[in-house]
Amino acid sequence: MMPSIHAPALPTDAVWFNVERPLTPDDLRGKVVLLDFWTYA
């Protein structure tokens, strides 16, 4: 049996695009999620 691994909570004070409110891990449960991180230099 595979161990259960839980994702940490997503930051609620970050800037969110294309959503009405910050997402929670429960909102994403059972979905494929792609996180794209970038920075401005």
Protein backbone atom coordinates (compact mmCIF):
# COMPACT_ATOMS: atom_id res chain seq x y z
CA MET A 1 0.00 0.00 0.00
CA MET A 2 1.30 3.45 -0.94
CA PRO A 3 1.73 5.97 1.89
CA SER A 4 -0.62 8.93 1.83
CA ILE A 5 1.17 12.17 0.94
CA HIS A 6 -0.60 15.48 1.45
CA ALA A 7 0.28 18.68 -0.35
CA PRO A 8 0.96 21.74 1.79
CA ALA A 9 -1.59 24.54 1.85
CA LEU A 10 -1.26 27.03 -0.98
CA PRO A 11 -0.52 30.65 0.00
CA THR A 12 -3.66 32.78 0.23
CA ASP A 13 -1.77 36.09 0.05
CA ALA A 14 -0.25 35.35 -3.36
CA VAL A 15 -1.51 36.91 -6.59
CA TRP A 16 -3.96 34.49 -8.22
CA PHE A 17 -4.93 34.68 -11.91
CA ASN A 18 -8.14 33.42 -13.53
CA VAL A 19 -9.81 32.38 -10.26
CA GLU A 20 -12.39 34.13 -8.08
CA ARG A 21 -10.72 33.14 -4.81
CA PRO A 22 -7.50 31.41 -3.70
CA LEU A 23 -7.56 27.66 -4.30
CA THR A 24 -7.23 25.03 -1.61
CA PRO A 25 -5.91 21.47 -1.90
CA ASP A 26 -9.53 20.27 -1.52
CA ASP A 27 -10.50 22.29 -4.62
CA LEU A 28 -7.82 20.44 -6.59
CA ARG A 29 -8.32 16.93 -5.20
CA GLY A 30 -8.47 14.34 -7.99
CA LYS A 31 -7.31 16.80 -10.67
CA VAL A 32 -4.06 17.04 -12.59
CA VAL A 33 -2.32 20.27 -11.53
CA LEU A 34 0.50 22.07 -13.34
CA LEU A 35 2.30 24.73 -11.32
CA ASP A 36 4.28 27.26 -13.31
CA PHE A 37 6.78 29.35 -11.34
CA TRP A 38 8.62 32.28 -12.83
CA THR A 39 10.41 35.39 -11.73
CA TYR A 40 11.05 38.83 -13.13
CA ALA A 41 14.65 39.99 -13.29
